[in-house]
Amino acid sequence: MPPRRVMVESSSSRSRAPKSFFWNTYETLTSPDNASVVRSVAVFGASVAFLASPWGDVLLPP
């Protein structure tokens, strides 16, 4: 007689609602793997904003 197969449902096989686009984006940006890239983009954006502002004229020679 063949052995009986018992189906065990694990908690991970339940259907969960898909995560939203914003939640996935937040998780990607806060991931430790992406920290250096996110930091680099933030510094680049801040420096472009500084140079485009009137404060950027401080760096020009007289």
PDB file of N, CA and C in Angstrom:
ATOM      1  N   MET A   1       0.848  -1.173   0.000  1.00  0.00           N
ATOM      2  CA  MET A   1       0.000   0.000   0.000  1.00  0.00           C
ATOM      3  C   MET A   1       0.899   1.243   0.000  1.00  0.00           C
ATOM      4  N   PRO A   2       0.676   2.208  -0.910  1.00  0.00           N
ATOM      5  CA  PRO A   2       1.525   3.398  -0.966  1.00  0.00           C
ATOM      6  C   PRO A   2       1.298   4.290   0.259  1.00  0.00           C
ATOM      7  N   PRO A   3       2.323   5.044   0.621  1.00  0.00           N
ATOM      8  CA  PRO A   3       2.170   5.930   1.788  1.00  0.00           C
ATOM      9  C   PRO A   3       1.181   7.066   1.493  1.00  0.00           C
ATOM     10  N   ARG A   4       0.513   7.476   2.533  1.00  0.00           N
ATOM     11  CA  ARG A   4      -0.424   8.593   2.378  1.00  0.00           C
ATOM     12  C   ARG A   4       0.347   9.895   2.299  1.00  0.00           C
ATOM     13  N   ARG A   5      -0.138  10.778   1.484  1.00  0.00           N
ATOM     14  CA  ARG A   5       0.488  12.102   1.372  1.00  0.00           C
ATOM     15  C   ARG A   5      -0.350  13.081   2.168  1.00  0.00           C
ATOM     16  N   VAL A   6       0.320  13.780   3.028  1.00  0.00           N
ATOM     17  CA  VAL A   6      -0.367  14.774   3.846  1.00  0.00           C
ATOM     18  C   VAL A   6       0.053  16.145   3.345  1.00  0.00           C
ATOM     19  N   MET A   7      -0.919  16.951   2.980  1.00  0.00           N
ATOM     20  CA  MET A   7      -0.643  18.299   2.494  1.00  0.00           C
ATOM     21  C   MET A   7      -0.588  19.243   3.692  1.00  0.00           C
ATOM     22  N   VAL A   8       0.554  19.855   3.856  1.00  0.00           N
ATOM     23  CA  VAL A   8       0.735  20.812   4.937  1.00  0.00           C
ATOM     24  C   VAL A   8       0.829  22.195   4.327  1.00  0.00           C
ATOM     25  N   GLU A   9      -0.039  23.085   4.768  1.00  0.00           N
ATOM     26  CA  GLU A   9      -0.043  24.444   4.221  1.00  0.00           C
ATOM     27  C   GLU A   9       0.833  25.321   5.109  1.00  0.00           C
ATOM     28  N   SER A  10       1.873  25.877   4.521  1.00  0.00           N
ATOM     29  CA  SER A  10       2.739  26.760   5.289  1.00  0.00           C
ATOM     30  C   SER A  10       2.184  28.178   5.259  1.00  0.00           C
ATOM     31  N   SER A  11       2.634  28.989   6.198  1.00  0.00           N
ATOM     32  CA  SER A  11       2.112  30.360   6.284  1.00  0.00           C
ATOM     33  C   SER A  11       2.564  31.217   5.103  1.00  0.00           C
ATOM     34  N   SER A  12       3.671  30.856   4.459  1.00  0.00           N
ATOM     35  CA  SER A  12       4.163  31.656   3.344  1.00  0.00           C
ATOM     36  C   SER A  12       3.388  31.388   2.052  1.00  0.00           C
ATOM     37  N   SER A  13       2.640  30.292   2.001  1.00  0.00           N
ATOM     38  CA  SER A  13       1.920  29.995   0.768  1.00  0.00           C
ATOM     39  C   SER A  13       0.570  30.696   0.701  1.00  0.00           C
ATOM     40  N   ARG A  14       0.168  31.372   1.763  1.00  0.00           N
ATOM     41  CA  ARG A  14      -1.085  32.113   1.716  1.00  0.00           C
ATOM     42  C   ARG A  14      -0.958  33.250   0.721  1.00  0.00           C
ATOM     43  N   SER A  15      -2.058  33.551   0.079  1.00  0.00           N
ATOM     44  CA  SER A  15      -1.990  34.658  -0.870  1.00  0.00           C
ATOM     45  C   SER A  15      -2.062  35.971  -0.102  1.00  0.00           C
ATOM     46  N   ARG A  16      -1.083  36.762  -0.301  1.00  0.00           N
ATOM     47  CA  ARG A  16      -1.015  38.068   0.349  1.00  0.00           C
ATOM     48  C   ARG A  16      -1.280  39.137  -0.690  1.00  0.00           C
ATOM     49  N   ALA A  17      -1.764  40.252  -0.221  1.00  0.00           N
ATOM     50  CA  ALA A  17      -1.983  41.361  -1.137  1.00  0.00           C
ATOM     51  C   ALA A  17      -0.620  41.876  -1.608  1.00  0.00           C
ATOM     52  N   PRO A  18      -0.495  42.188  -2.886  1.00  0.00           N
ATOM     53  CA  PRO A  18       0.795  42.698  -3.372  1.00  0.00           C
ATOM     54  C   PRO A  18       1.110  44.053  -2.737  1.00  0.00           C
ATOM     55  N   LYS A  19       2.400  44.270  -2.512  1.00  0.00           N
ATOM     56  CA  LYS A  19       2.826  45.532  -1.912  1.00  0.00           C
ATOM     57  C   LYS A  19       2.673  46.656  -2.923  1.00  0.00           C
ATOM     58  N   SER A  20       2.443  47.829  -2.421  1.00  0.00           N
ATOM     59  CA  SER A  20       2.247  48.963  -3.309  1.00  0.00           C
ATOM     60  C   SER A  20       3.575  49.411  -3.912  1.00  0.00           C
ATOM     61  N   PHE A  21       3.470  50.219  -4.950  1.00  0.00           N
ATOM     62  CA  PHE A  21       4.650  50.750  -5.622  1.00  0.00           C
ATOM     63  C   PHE A  21       5.481  51.582  -4.662  1.00  0.00           C
ATOM     64  N   PHE A  22       4.813  52.398  -3.834  1.00  0.00           N
ATOM     65  CA  PHE A  22       5.533  53.271  -2.910  1.00  0.00           C
ATOM     66  C   PHE A  22       6.246  52.468  -1.829  1.00  0.00           C
ATOM     67  N   TRP A  23       5.627  51.397  -1.362  1.00  0.00           N
ATOM     68  CA  TRP A  23       6.261  50.564  -0.336  1.00  0.00           C
ATOM     69  C   TRP A  23       7.493  49.874  -0.920  1.00  0.00           C
ATOM     70  N   ASN A  24       7.387  49.359  -2.134  1.00  0.00           N
ATOM     71  CA  ASN A  24       8.544  48.723  -2.771  1.00  0.00           C
ATOM     72  C   ASN A  24       9.672  49.729  -2.991  1.00  0.00           C
ATOM     73  N   THR A  25       9.317  50.945  -3.403  1.00  0.00           N
ATOM     74  CA  THR A  25      10.328  51.981  -3.610  1.00  0.00           C
ATOM     75  C   THR A  25      11.005  52.328  -2.301  1.00  0.00           C
ATOM     76  N   TYR A  26      10.229  52.477  -1.233  1.00  0.00           N
ATOM     77  CA  TYR A  26      10.797  52.788   0.082  1.00  0.00           C
ATOM     78  C   TYR A  26      11.747  51.685   0.544  1.00  0.00           C
ATOM     79  N   GLU A  27      11.340  50.432   0.385  1.00  0.00           N
ATOM     80  CA  GLU A  27      12.208  49.322   0.793  1.00  0.00           C
ATOM     81  C   GLU A  27      13.496  49.299  -0.027  1.00  0.00           C
ATOM     82  N   THR A  28      13.402  49.613  -1.309  1.00  0.00           N
ATOM     83  CA  THR A  28      14.594  49.624  -2.161  1.00  0.00           C
ATOM     84  C   THR A  28      15.546  50.746  -1.748  1.00  0.00           C
ATOM     85  N   LEU A  29      14.994  51.927  -1.465  1.00  0.00           N
ATOM     86  CA  LEU A  29      15.844  53.065  -1.103  1.00  0.00           C
ATOM     87  C   LEU A  29      16.483  52.903   0.266  1.00  0.00           C
ATOM     88  N   THR A  30      15.816  52.218   1.179  1.00  0.00           N
ATOM     89  CA  THR A  30      16.356  52.065   2.529  1.00  0.00           C
ATOM     90  C   THR A  30      17.156  50.777   2.700  1.00  0.00           C
ATOM     91  N   SER A  31      17.312  50.020   1.637  1.00  0.00           N
ATOM     92  CA  SER A  31      18.077  48.781   1.706  1.00  0.00           C
ATOM     93  C   SER A  31      19.556  49.092   1.947  1.00  0.00           C
ATOM     94  N   PRO A  32      20.203  48.366   2.840  1.00  0.00           N
ATOM     95  CA  PRO A  32      21.645  48.601   3.074  1.00  0.00           C
ATOM     96  C   PRO A  32      22.497  48.375   1.824  1.00  0.00           C
ATOM     97  N   ASP A  33      22.027  47.542   0.911  1.00  0.00           N
ATOM     98  CA  ASP A  33      22.780  47.289  -0.319  1.00  0.00           C
ATOM     99  C   ASP A  33      22.844  48.530  -1.203  1.00  0.00           C
ATOM    100  N   ASN A  34      21.839  49.392  -1.119  1.00  0.00           N
ATOM    101  CA  ASN A  34      21.764  50.564  -1.984  1.00  0.00           C
ATOM    102  C   ASN A  34      22.156  51.855  -1.280  1.00  0.00           C
ATOM    103  N   ALA A  35      22.680  51.782  -0.083  1.00  0.00           N
ATOM    104  CA  ALA A  35      22.960  52.984   0.706  1.00  0.00           C
ATOM    105  C   ALA A  35      23.954  53.912   0.009  1.00  0.00           C
ATOM    106  N   SER A  36      25.003  53.382  -0.564  1.00  0.00           N
ATOM    107  CA  SER A  36      26.012  54.246  -1.185  1.00  0.00           C
ATOM    108  C   SER A  36      25.458  54.936  -2.436  1.00  0.00           C
ATOM    109  N   VAL A  37      24.639  54.239  -3.192  1.00  0.00           N
ATOM    110  CA  VAL A  37      24.060  54.841  -4.395  1.00  0.00           C
ATOM    111  C   VAL A  37      23.076  55.942  -4.015  1.00  0.00           C
ATOM    112  N   VAL A  38      22.237  55.684  -3.037  1.00  0.00           N
ATOM    113  CA  VAL A  38      21.256  56.678  -2.594  1.00  0.00           C
ATOM    114  C   VAL A  38      21.963  57.906  -2.040  1.00  0.00           C
ATOM    115  N   ARG A  39      23.018  57.688  -1.260  1.00  0.00           N
ATOM    116  CA  ARG A  39      23.784  58.806  -0.699  1.00  0.00           C
ATOM    117  C   ARG A  39      24.445  59.622  -1.810  1.00  0.00           C
ATOM    118  N   SER A  40      24.983  58.952  -2.817  1.00  0.00           N
ATOM    119  CA  SER A  40      25.632  59.660  -3.922  1.00  0.00           C
ATOM    120  C   SER A  40      24.637  60.504  -4.711  1.00  0.00           C
ATOM    121  N   VAL A  41      23.470  59.967  -4.975  1.00  0.00           N
ATOM    122  CA  VAL A  41      22.452  60.713  -5.706  1.00  0.00           C
ATOM    123  C   VAL A  41      21.983  61.906  -4.885  1.00  0.00           C
ATOM    124  N   ALA A  42      21.849  61.734  -3.577  1.00  0.00           N
ATOM    125  CA  ALA A  42      21.420  62.844  -2.717  1.00  0.00           C
ATOM    126  C   ALA A  42      22.461  63.962  -2.685  1.00  0.00           C
ATOM    127  N   VAL A  43      23.745  63.608  -2.599  1.00  0.00           N
ATOM    128  CA  VAL A  43      24.803  64.620  -2.589  1.00  0.00           C
ATOM    129  C   VAL A  43      24.874  65.329  -3.939  1.00  0.00           C
ATOM    130  N   PHE A  44      24.731  64.587  -5.019  1.00  0.00           N
ATOM    131  CA  PHE A  44      24.726  65.202  -6.341  1.00  0.00           C
ATOM    132  C   PHE A  44      23.564  66.178  -6.490  1.00  0.00           C
ATOM    133  N   GLY A  45      22.380  65.780  -6.061  1.00  0.00           N
ATOM    134  CA  GLY A  45      21.214  66.661  -6.141  1.00  0.00           C
ATOM    135  C   GLY A  45      21.385  67.916  -5.305  1.00  0.00           C
ATOM    136  N   ALA A  46      21.955  67.765  -4.098  1.00  0.00           N
ATOM    137  CA  ALA A  46      22.180  68.927  -3.239  1.00  0.00           C
ATOM    138  C   ALA A  46      23.208  69.871  -3.852  1.00  0.00           C
ATOM    139  N   SER A  47      24.257  69.322  -4.460  1.00  0.00           N
ATOM    140  CA  SER A  47      25.272  70.196  -5.057  1.00  0.00           C
ATOM    141  C   SER A  47      24.737  70.913  -6.299  1.00  0.00           C
ATOM    142  N   VAL A  48      23.925  70.255  -7.093  1.00  0.00           N
ATOM    143  CA  VAL A  48      23.322  70.918  -8.253  1.00  0.00           C
ATOM    144  C   VAL A  48      22.382  72.021  -7.790  1.00  0.00           C
ATOM    145  N   ALA A  49      21.599  71.750  -6.757  1.00  0.00           N
ATOM    146  CA  ALA A  49      20.693  72.776  -6.234  1.00  0.00           C
ATOM    147  C   ALA A  49      21.473  73.961  -5.680  1.00  0.00           C
ATOM    148  N   PHE A  50      22.603  73.702  -5.016  1.00  0.00           N
ATOM    149  CA  PHE A  50      23.432  74.782  -4.476  1.00  0.00           C
ATOM    150  C   PHE A  50      24.014  75.634  -5.601  1.00  0.00           C
ATOM    151  N   LEU A  51      24.548  74.985  -6.621  1.00  0.00           N
ATOM    152  CA  LEU A  51      25.169  75.728  -7.712  1.00  0.00           C
ATOM    153  C   LEU A  51      24.143  76.491  -8.547  1.00  0.00           C
ATOM    154  N   ALA A  52      22.911  76.044  -8.585  1.00  0.00           N
ATOM    155  CA  ALA A  52      21.874  76.736  -9.337  1.00  0.00           C
ATOM    156  C   ALA A  52      21.262  77.890  -8.541  1.00  0.00           C
ATOM    157  N   SER A  53      21.545  77.945  -7.257  1.00  0.00           N
ATOM    158  CA  SER A  53      20.975  78.997  -6.420  1.00  0.00           C
ATOM    159  C   SER A  53      21.901  80.215  -6.417  1.00  0.00           C
ATOM    160  N   PRO A  54      21.437  81.320  -5.867  1.00  0.00           N
ATOM    161  CA  PRO A  54      22.307  82.504  -5.763  1.00  0.00           C
ATOM    162  C   PRO A  54      23.553  82.254  -4.902  1.00  0.00           C
ATOM    163  N   TRP A  55      23.515  81.281  -4.022  1.00  0.00           N
ATOM    164  CA  TRP A  55      24.687  80.968  -3.198  1.00  0.00           C
ATOM    165  C   TRP A  55      25.828  80.405  -4.033  1.00  0.00           C
ATOM    166  N   GLY A  56      25.547  79.917  -5.225  1.00  0.00           N
ATOM    167  CA  GLY A  56      26.605  79.403  -6.096  1.00  0.00           C
ATOM    168  C   GLY A  56      27.556  80.493  -6.564  1.00  0.00           C
ATOM    169  N   ASP A  57      27.092  81.758  -6.548  1.00  0.00           N
ATOM    170  CA  ASP A  57      27.951  82.870  -6.957  1.00  0.00           C
ATOM    171  C   ASP A  57      29.081  83.115  -5.959  1.00  0.00           C
ATOM    172  N   VAL A  58      28.952  82.603  -4.760  1.00  0.00           N
ATOM    173  CA  VAL A  58      30.013  82.759  -3.747  1.00  0.00           C
ATOM    174  C   VAL A  58      31.287  82.098  -4.212  1.00  0.00           C
ATOM    175  N   LEU A  59      31.169  81.046  -5.018  1.00  0.00           N
ATOM    176  CA  LEU A  59      32.343  80.302  -5.472  1.00  0.00           C
ATOM    177  C   LEU A  59      33.063  80.971  -6.639  1.00  0.00           C
ATOM    178  N   LEU A  60      32.419  81.938  -7.296  1.00  0.00           N
ATOM    179  CA  LEU A  60      33.035  82.611  -8.429  1.00  0.00           C
ATOM    180  C   LEU A  60      34.129  83.579  -7.950  1.00  0.00           C
ATOM    181  N   PRO A  61      35.226  83.689  -8.689  1.00  0.00           N
ATOM    182  CA  PRO A  61      36.282  84.631  -8.284  1.00  0.00           C
ATOM    183  C   PRO A  61      35.798  86.078  -8.500  1.00  0.00           C
ATOM    184  N   PRO A  62      36.337  86.986  -7.707  1.00  0.00           N
ATOM    185  CA  PRO A  62      35.901  88.389  -7.843  1.00  0.00           C
ATOM    186  C   PRO A  62      36.351  89.051  -9.126  1.00  0.00           C
TER     187      PRO A  62
END
